[in-house]
Amino acid sequence: MARRTFGVQKGRVRSKTAGNGGSDRPVDEVIRELKSNIQKPADEDYRERSLAIHGLVCARCGRTFEGKDRRLLTVHHKDGNHHNNPPDGSNWENLCVYCHDDIHSRGVLGDYLGGEGEAPKGELVYSDESSSAGFGTLAEKLRKAGKK
């Protein structure tokens, strides 16, 4: 790649373009070489091992995936510990992205509506304190509706 340098000569800014450093290889080849030299950590290949063990099937909804759609399958850690990756795959299950999101969002929503979690300060969605009825926040209304 050409390099551009700047200098001042007789009160004027001059620019000079230097050569490409002597490399005549195409950019694609250089990028391919750099990507092949990147080493993944040992526990990061658990996704491929899980796909090989459990197949290209979502364990929850049963949807089967083709090779081109395998990116839609994720590995869910049953115990929630992403560092617990036994070689037999006993802590993994392959889930499609939709089921995986559903599993993780159900716990958060359930804890919140059950009163175990609280909204962080500054996360007030709706408040009708200015009205004469004074019903409170939307979260309180949802909790009351859930108890009925």
N, C-alpha and C. Protein backbone atom coordinates (compact mmCIF):
# COMPACT_ATOMS: atom_id res chain seq x y z
N MET A 1 0.85 -1.17 0.00
CA MET A 1 0.00 0.00 0.00
C MET A 1 0.90 1.23 0.00
N ALA A 2 0.56 2.22 -0.77
CA ALA A 2 1.35 3.44 -0.85
C ALA A 2 1.22 4.23 0.44
N ARG A 3 2.33 4.90 0.80
CA ARG A 3 2.35 5.67 2.02
C ARG A 3 2.56 7.14 1.66
N ARG A 4 1.80 7.99 2.28
CA ARG A 4 1.88 9.42 1.97
C ARG A 4 2.51 10.13 3.16
N THR A 5 3.53 10.94 2.88
CA THR A 5 4.19 11.71 3.93
C THR A 5 4.06 13.18 3.61
N PHE A 6 4.12 14.02 4.63
CA PHE A 6 3.98 15.46 4.47
C PHE A 6 5.20 16.13 5.07
N GLY A 7 5.58 17.24 4.49
CA GLY A 7 6.69 18.03 5.01
C GLY A 7 6.51 19.49 4.64
N VAL A 8 7.25 20.33 5.31
CA VAL A 8 7.18 21.76 5.05
C VAL A 8 8.45 22.18 4.33
N GLN A 9 8.29 22.87 3.21
CA GLN A 9 9.44 23.34 2.46
C GLN A 9 9.13 24.75 1.96
N LYS A 10 9.97 25.71 2.36
CA LYS A 10 9.80 27.12 1.98
C LYS A 10 8.41 27.63 2.34
N GLY A 11 7.93 27.25 3.52
CA GLY A 11 6.65 27.75 4.00
C GLY A 11 5.43 27.08 3.40
N ARG A 12 5.63 26.10 2.54
CA ARG A 12 4.51 25.39 1.93
C ARG A 12 4.53 23.92 2.37
N VAL A 13 3.33 23.36 2.51
CA VAL A 13 3.22 21.96 2.87
C VAL A 13 3.31 21.14 1.59
N ARG A 14 4.23 20.20 1.58
CA ARG A 14 4.41 19.33 0.41
C ARG A 14 4.05 17.91 0.82
N SER A 15 3.51 17.15 -0.11
CA SER A 15 3.23 15.74 0.16
C SER A 15 4.03 14.89 -0.79
N LYS A 16 4.40 13.72 -0.31
CA LYS A 16 5.19 12.80 -1.11
C LYS A 16 4.61 11.41 -0.92
N THR A 17 4.45 10.67 -2.01
CA THR A 17 3.92 9.32 -1.94
C THR A 17 5.07 8.33 -2.07
N ALA A 18 5.19 7.46 -1.08
CA ALA A 18 6.23 6.43 -1.09
C ALA A 18 5.70 5.18 -1.75
N GLY A 19 6.54 4.23 -2.07
CA GLY A 19 6.15 2.99 -2.73
C GLY A 19 5.33 2.09 -1.83
N ASN A 20 4.99 0.89 -2.33
CA ASN A 20 4.11 -0.02 -1.60
C ASN A 20 4.86 -0.96 -0.67
N GLY A 21 6.11 -0.75 -0.41
CA GLY A 21 6.85 -1.57 0.54
C GLY A 21 7.38 -2.84 -0.06
N GLY A 22 7.30 -3.05 -1.35
CA GLY A 22 7.90 -4.21 -1.99
C GLY A 22 7.02 -5.44 -2.05
N SER A 23 5.79 -5.38 -1.60
CA SER A 23 4.92 -6.54 -1.64
C SER A 23 4.04 -6.49 -2.89
N ASP A 24 4.11 -7.54 -3.70
CA ASP A 24 3.31 -7.60 -4.91
C ASP A 24 2.17 -8.60 -4.78
N ARG A 25 1.94 -9.12 -3.57
CA ARG A 25 0.87 -10.10 -3.38
C ARG A 25 -0.48 -9.41 -3.36
N PRO A 26 -1.51 -10.08 -3.85
CA PRO A 26 -2.86 -9.51 -3.79
C PRO A 26 -3.35 -9.40 -2.34
N VAL A 27 -4.22 -8.46 -2.11
CA VAL A 27 -4.74 -8.22 -0.76
C VAL A 27 -5.49 -9.44 -0.24
N ASP A 28 -6.27 -10.11 -1.09
CA ASP A 28 -7.03 -11.29 -0.67
C ASP A 28 -6.11 -12.38 -0.11
N GLU A 29 -4.97 -12.56 -0.75
CA GLU A 29 -4.03 -13.58 -0.30
C GLU A 29 -3.45 -13.24 1.07
N VAL A 30 -3.12 -11.97 1.28
CA VAL A 30 -2.58 -11.53 2.57
C VAL A 30 -3.61 -11.72 3.67
N ILE A 31 -4.87 -11.35 3.40
CA ILE A 31 -5.94 -11.50 4.40
C ILE A 31 -6.17 -12.96 4.72
N ARG A 32 -6.19 -13.83 3.70
CA ARG A 32 -6.37 -15.26 3.92
C ARG A 32 -5.26 -15.82 4.81
N GLU A 33 -4.02 -15.37 4.58
CA GLU A 33 -2.89 -15.84 5.38
C GLU A 33 -3.01 -15.38 6.82
N LEU A 34 -3.43 -14.12 7.02
CA LEU A 34 -3.58 -13.61 8.38
C LEU A 34 -4.68 -14.34 9.14
N LYS A 35 -5.79 -14.64 8.48
CA LYS A 35 -6.88 -15.37 9.13
C LYS A 35 -6.47 -16.79 9.49
N SER A 36 -5.67 -17.43 8.66
CA SER A 36 -5.26 -18.81 8.95
C SER A 36 -4.28 -18.86 10.12
N ASN A 37 -3.57 -17.78 10.38
CA ASN A 37 -2.60 -17.75 11.48
C ASN A 37 -3.23 -17.47 12.83
N ILE A 38 -4.51 -17.06 12.84
CA ILE A 38 -5.19 -16.77 14.10
C ILE A 38 -5.53 -18.10 14.78
N GLN A 39 -5.13 -18.24 16.03
CA GLN A 39 -5.39 -19.44 16.81
C GLN A 39 -6.59 -19.20 17.71
N LYS A 40 -7.54 -20.12 17.70
CA LYS A 40 -8.68 -20.02 18.61
C LYS A 40 -8.29 -20.65 19.95
N PRO A 41 -8.80 -20.11 21.06
CA PRO A 41 -8.57 -20.78 22.34
C PRO A 41 -9.16 -22.19 22.33
N ALA A 42 -8.61 -23.06 23.17
CA ALA A 42 -9.00 -24.47 23.16
C ALA A 42 -10.48 -24.69 23.44
N ASP A 43 -11.08 -23.88 24.31
CA ASP A 43 -12.48 -24.11 24.67
C ASP A 43 -13.45 -23.40 23.73
N GLU A 44 -12.95 -22.74 22.69
CA GLU A 44 -13.84 -22.01 21.79
C GLU A 44 -14.39 -22.87 20.65
N ASP A 45 -13.86 -24.07 20.47
CA ASP A 45 -14.35 -24.92 19.40
C ASP A 45 -15.47 -25.84 19.86
N TYR A 46 -16.05 -25.56 21.03
CA TYR A 46 -17.12 -26.41 21.55
C TYR A 46 -18.35 -26.36 20.65
N ARG A 47 -18.55 -25.28 19.92
CA ARG A 47 -19.71 -25.18 19.04
C ARG A 47 -19.65 -26.26 17.96
N GLU A 48 -18.52 -26.38 17.32
CA GLU A 48 -18.38 -27.40 16.27
C GLU A 48 -18.51 -28.81 16.84
N ARG A 49 -17.95 -29.02 18.03
CA ARG A 49 -18.08 -30.34 18.66
C ARG A 49 -19.54 -30.65 18.99
N SER A 50 -20.27 -29.64 19.49
CA SER A 50 -21.67 -29.85 19.82
C SER A 50 -22.50 -30.15 18.58
N LEU A 51 -22.23 -29.43 17.49
CA LEU A 51 -22.95 -29.68 16.25
C LEU A 51 -22.66 -31.09 15.73
N ALA A 52 -21.43 -31.55 15.90
CA ALA A 52 -21.08 -32.90 15.45
C ALA A 52 -21.74 -33.97 16.33
N ILE A 53 -21.81 -33.72 17.63
CA ILE A 53 -22.39 -34.71 18.56
C ILE A 53 -23.91 -34.75 18.44
N HIS A 54 -24.55 -33.59 18.51
CA HIS A 54 -26.01 -33.53 18.59
C HIS A 54 -26.70 -33.34 17.24
N GLY A 55 -25.95 -33.02 16.22
CA GLY A 55 -26.54 -32.85 14.89
C GLY A 55 -27.08 -31.45 14.66
N LEU A 56 -27.55 -31.20 13.46
CA LEU A 56 -28.06 -29.89 13.08
C LEU A 56 -29.57 -29.80 13.32
N VAL A 57 -29.97 -30.08 14.57
CA VAL A 57 -31.38 -30.09 14.95
C VAL A 57 -31.54 -29.29 16.23
N CYS A 58 -32.56 -28.45 16.29
CA CYS A 58 -32.86 -27.72 17.52
C CYS A 58 -33.46 -28.70 18.53
N ALA A 59 -32.90 -28.75 19.72
CA ALA A 59 -33.35 -29.69 20.74
C ALA A 59 -34.71 -29.31 21.30
N ARG A 60 -35.17 -28.11 21.09
CA ARG A 60 -36.43 -27.67 21.67
C ARG A 60 -37.59 -27.77 20.68
N CYS A 61 -37.43 -27.17 19.49
CA CYS A 61 -38.54 -27.16 18.54
C CYS A 61 -38.41 -28.25 17.48
N GLY A 62 -37.25 -28.89 17.38
CA GLY A 62 -37.06 -29.99 16.45
C GLY A 62 -36.79 -29.59 15.02
N ARG A 63 -36.61 -28.31 14.78
CA ARG A 63 -36.33 -27.85 13.41
C ARG A 63 -34.97 -28.35 12.95
N THR A 64 -34.92 -28.87 11.73
CA THR A 64 -33.68 -29.38 11.16
C THR A 64 -33.08 -28.30 10.26
N PHE A 65 -31.77 -28.16 10.31
CA PHE A 65 -31.07 -27.13 9.56
C PHE A 65 -30.16 -27.76 8.51
N GLU A 66 -30.05 -27.10 7.38
CA GLU A 66 -29.14 -27.50 6.31
C GLU A 66 -27.77 -26.91 6.62
N GLY A 67 -26.79 -27.29 5.85
CA GLY A 67 -25.44 -26.77 6.06
C GLY A 67 -25.34 -25.26 5.94
N LYS A 68 -26.11 -24.67 5.02
CA LYS A 68 -26.04 -23.23 4.82
C LYS A 68 -26.73 -22.46 5.96
N ASP A 69 -27.64 -23.10 6.67
CA ASP A 69 -28.36 -22.45 7.77
C ASP A 69 -27.79 -22.79 9.15
N ARG A 70 -26.65 -23.45 9.22
CA ARG A 70 -26.11 -23.87 10.51
C ARG A 70 -25.76 -22.70 11.41
N ARG A 71 -25.62 -21.50 10.83
CA ARG A 71 -25.33 -20.32 11.63
C ARG A 71 -26.51 -19.96 12.55
N LEU A 72 -27.71 -20.49 12.23
CA LEU A 72 -28.89 -20.22 13.06
C LEU A 72 -28.96 -21.12 14.29
N LEU A 73 -28.06 -22.09 14.39
CA LEU A 73 -28.01 -22.95 15.57
C LEU A 73 -26.99 -22.41 16.56
N THR A 74 -27.39 -22.35 17.82
CA THR A 74 -26.48 -21.91 18.87
C THR A 74 -26.31 -23.05 19.87
N VAL A 75 -25.27 -22.96 20.68
CA VAL A 75 -25.04 -23.96 21.72
C VAL A 75 -25.46 -23.36 23.04
N HIS A 76 -26.44 -23.98 23.69
CA HIS A 76 -26.93 -23.53 24.99
C HIS A 76 -26.26 -24.37 26.07
N HIS A 77 -25.68 -23.71 27.06
CA HIS A 77 -25.08 -24.41 28.20
C HIS A 77 -26.18 -24.65 29.23
N LYS A 78 -26.46 -25.89 29.51
CA LYS A 78 -27.58 -26.24 30.39
C LYS A 78 -27.43 -25.68 31.79
N ASP A 79 -26.17 -25.67 32.31
CA ASP A 79 -25.96 -25.16 33.66
C ASP A 79 -25.64 -23.67 33.68
N GLY A 80 -25.60 -23.03 32.51
CA GLY A 80 -25.33 -21.60 32.45
C GLY A 80 -23.87 -21.22 32.53
N ASN A 81 -22.98 -22.17 32.70
CA ASN A 81 -21.54 -21.91 32.81
C ASN A 81 -20.88 -22.12 31.45
N HIS A 82 -20.46 -21.05 30.82
CA HIS A 82 -19.87 -21.14 29.48
C HIS A 82 -18.48 -21.74 29.48
N HIS A 83 -17.90 -21.91 30.65
CA HIS A 83 -16.57 -22.52 30.75
C HIS A 83 -16.65 -24.01 31.02
N ASN A 84 -17.85 -24.52 31.29
CA ASN A 84 -18.05 -25.95 31.53
C ASN A 84 -18.35 -26.61 30.19
N ASN A 85 -17.30 -27.10 29.53
CA ASN A 85 -17.42 -27.70 28.21
C ASN A 85 -16.85 -29.11 28.20
N PRO A 86 -17.59 -30.08 28.75
CA PRO A 86 -17.08 -31.45 28.78
C PRO A 86 -17.00 -32.03 27.37
N PRO A 87 -16.03 -32.89 27.12
CA PRO A 87 -15.84 -33.44 25.78
C PRO A 87 -17.01 -34.29 25.29
N ASP A 88 -17.81 -34.84 26.22
CA ASP A 88 -18.94 -35.67 25.79
C ASP A 88 -20.18 -34.85 25.43
N GLY A 89 -20.15 -33.52 25.66
CA GLY A 89 -21.26 -32.65 25.29
C GLY A 89 -22.44 -32.72 26.22
N SER A 90 -22.26 -33.21 27.43
CA SER A 90 -23.38 -33.39 28.34
C SER A 90 -23.94 -32.06 28.87
N ASN A 91 -23.21 -30.97 28.75
CA ASN A 91 -23.69 -29.68 29.22
C ASN A 91 -24.24 -28.82 28.10
N TRP A 92 -24.30 -29.35 26.90
CA TRP A 92 -24.74 -28.57 25.75
C TRP A 92 -26.04 -29.09 25.18
N GLU A 93 -26.76 -28.17 24.55
CA GLU A 93 -27.86 -28.56 23.67
C GLU A 93 -27.91 -27.54 22.55
N ASN A 94 -28.11 -28.03 21.34
CA ASN A 94 -28.19 -27.14 20.19
C ASN A 94 -29.60 -26.57 20.12
N LEU A 95 -29.67 -25.24 20.08
CA LEU A 95 -30.96 -24.56 19.98
C LEU A 95 -30.90 -23.56 18.84
N CYS A 96 -32.02 -23.41 18.12
CA CYS A 96 -32.07 -22.36 17.11
C CYS A 96 -32.06 -21.02 17.84
N VAL A 97 -31.72 -19.97 17.14
CA VAL A 97 -31.60 -18.66 17.78
C VAL A 97 -32.91 -18.21 18.42
N TYR A 98 -34.03 -18.63 17.85
CA TYR A 98 -35.33 -18.22 18.38
C TYR A 98 -35.61 -18.90 19.73
N CYS A 99 -35.36 -20.20 19.80
CA CYS A 99 -35.58 -20.92 21.06
C CYS A 99 -34.57 -20.48 22.11
N HIS A 100 -33.34 -20.21 21.70
CA HIS A 100 -32.31 -19.77 22.63
C HIS A 100 -32.68 -18.42 23.25
N ASP A 101 -33.13 -17.50 22.43
CA ASP A 101 -33.57 -16.21 22.95
C ASP A 101 -34.78 -16.37 23.86
N ASP A 102 -35.68 -17.26 23.51
CA ASP A 102 -36.88 -17.48 24.31
C ASP A 102 -36.52 -18.01 25.70
N ILE A 103 -35.60 -18.95 25.76
CA ILE A 103 -35.20 -19.53 27.04
C ILE A 103 -34.59 -18.46 27.94
N HIS A 104 -33.70 -17.65 27.40
CA HIS A 104 -33.03 -16.65 28.23
C HIS A 104 -33.96 -15.49 28.60
N SER A 105 -34.87 -15.10 27.73
CA SER A 105 -35.75 -13.99 28.05
C SER A 105 -36.86 -14.41 29.01
N ARG A 106 -37.28 -15.67 28.99
CA ARG A 106 -38.33 -16.12 29.91
C ARG A 106 -37.90 -16.00 31.36
N GLY A 107 -36.67 -16.36 31.65
CA GLY A 107 -36.18 -16.27 33.02
C GLY A 107 -36.13 -14.84 33.51
N VAL A 108 -35.64 -13.95 32.68
CA VAL A 108 -35.54 -12.55 33.06
C VAL A 108 -36.92 -11.94 33.26
N LEU A 109 -37.82 -12.19 32.33
CA LEU A 109 -39.18 -11.64 32.43
C LEU A 109 -39.92 -12.24 33.63
N GLY A 110 -39.75 -13.55 33.85
CA GLY A 110 -40.42 -14.19 34.98
C GLY A 110 -39.94 -13.65 36.31
N ASP A 111 -38.62 -13.45 36.43
CA ASP A 111 -38.08 -12.89 37.67
C ASP A 111 -38.60 -11.48 37.90
N TYR A 112 -38.67 -10.72 36.84
CA TYR A 112 -39.11 -9.33 36.98
C TYR A 112 -40.58 -9.25 37.36
N LEU A 113 -41.42 -9.99 36.67
CA LEU A 113 -42.85 -9.94 36.97
C LEU A 113 -43.18 -10.63 38.27
N GLY A 114 -42.34 -11.57 38.70
CA GLY A 114 -42.57 -12.24 39.97
C GLY A 114 -42.14 -11.43 41.16
N GLY A 115 -41.52 -10.27 40.90
CA GLY A 115 -41.10 -9.42 42.00
C GLY A 115 -39.70 -9.70 42.49
N GLU A 116 -39.01 -10.71 41.92
CA GLU A 116 -37.66 -11.02 42.38
C GLU A 116 -36.65 -10.03 41.83
N GLY A 117 -36.91 -9.50 40.66
CA GLY A 117 -36.00 -8.52 40.06
C GLY A 117 -36.63 -7.15 40.14
N GLU A 118 -35.79 -6.15 40.16
CA GLU A 118 -36.30 -4.79 40.18
C GLU A 118 -35.76 -4.07 38.96
N ALA A 119 -36.50 -3.11 38.49
CA ALA A 119 -36.03 -2.30 37.37
C ALA A 119 -34.89 -1.43 37.86
N PRO A 120 -33.82 -1.33 37.08
CA PRO A 120 -32.73 -0.44 37.47
C PRO A 120 -33.23 0.99 37.56
N LYS A 121 -32.59 1.77 38.40
CA LYS A 121 -32.99 3.16 38.55
C LYS A 121 -32.84 3.87 37.21
N GLY A 122 -33.79 4.71 36.89
CA GLY A 122 -33.74 5.44 35.63
C GLY A 122 -34.38 4.68 34.48
N GLU A 123 -34.96 3.51 34.74
CA GLU A 123 -35.57 2.70 33.70
C GLU A 123 -37.09 2.78 33.74
N LEU A 124 -37.64 3.86 34.28
CA LEU A 124 -39.07 4.02 34.39
C LEU A 124 -39.68 4.13 33.00
N VAL A 125 -40.56 3.21 32.66
CA VAL A 125 -41.15 3.18 31.33
C VAL A 125 -42.32 4.13 31.24
N TYR A 126 -43.15 4.14 32.27
CA TYR A 126 -44.35 4.95 32.22
C TYR A 126 -44.76 5.31 33.65
N SER A 127 -45.16 6.50 33.84
CA SER A 127 -45.66 6.92 35.14
C SER A 127 -46.81 7.88 34.93
N ASP A 128 -47.88 7.66 35.67
CA ASP A 128 -49.03 8.56 35.55
C ASP A 128 -49.29 9.25 36.88
N GLU A 129 -48.20 9.61 37.57
CA GLU A 129 -48.34 10.27 38.87
C GLU A 129 -49.01 11.63 38.75
N SER A 130 -48.89 12.24 37.57
CA SER A 130 -49.48 13.57 37.39
C SER A 130 -51.00 13.50 37.30
N SER A 131 -51.54 12.32 36.98
CA SER A 131 -53.00 12.23 36.88
C SER A 131 -53.60 12.15 38.27
N SER A 132 -54.86 12.47 38.37
CA SER A 132 -55.52 12.49 39.68
C SER A 132 -55.72 11.09 40.24
N ALA A 133 -55.77 10.08 39.36
CA ALA A 133 -56.00 8.72 39.84
C ALA A 133 -54.78 8.16 40.54
N GLY A 134 -53.57 8.48 40.07
CA GLY A 134 -52.34 8.05 40.71
C GLY A 134 -52.16 6.55 40.75
N PHE A 135 -52.25 5.87 39.61
CA PHE A 135 -52.15 4.41 39.57
C PHE A 135 -50.72 3.90 39.67
N GLY A 136 -49.70 4.73 39.52
CA GLY A 136 -48.32 4.28 39.64
C GLY A 136 -47.71 3.93 38.30
N THR A 137 -46.67 3.10 38.34
CA THR A 137 -45.91 2.79 37.14
C THR A 137 -46.52 1.62 36.38
N LEU A 138 -46.09 1.48 35.16
CA LEU A 138 -46.57 0.39 34.32
C LEU A 138 -46.18 -0.97 34.91
N ALA A 139 -45.00 -1.05 35.52
CA ALA A 139 -44.57 -2.31 36.12
C ALA A 139 -45.52 -2.74 37.24
N GLU A 140 -45.96 -1.77 38.04
CA GLU A 140 -46.90 -2.10 39.11
C GLU A 140 -48.23 -2.58 38.54
N LYS A 141 -48.66 -1.96 37.46
CA LYS A 141 -49.90 -2.39 36.81
C LYS A 141 -49.77 -3.81 36.28
N LEU A 142 -48.62 -4.13 35.70
CA LEU A 142 -48.41 -5.48 35.19
C LEU A 142 -48.39 -6.50 36.32
N ARG A 143 -47.75 -6.15 37.43
CA ARG A 143 -47.73 -7.08 38.58
C ARG A 143 -49.15 -7.32 39.10
N LYS A 144 -49.94 -6.26 39.18
CA LYS A 144 -51.33 -6.39 39.66
C LYS A 144 -52.14 -7.24 38.70
N ALA A 145 -51.92 -7.04 37.41
CA ALA A 145 -52.65 -7.83 36.41
C ALA A 145 -52.23 -9.30 36.46
N GLY A 146 -50.97 -9.56 36.75
CA GLY A 146 -50.49 -10.94 36.84
C GLY A 146 -51.04 -11.66 38.05
N LYS A 147 -51.39 -10.95 39.10
CA LYS A 147 -51.93 -11.57 40.32
C LYS A 147 -53.40 -11.94 40.16
N LYS A 148 -54.11 -11.31 39.20
CA LYS A 148 -55.54 -11.57 39.01
C LYS A 148 -55.80 -12.89 38.37
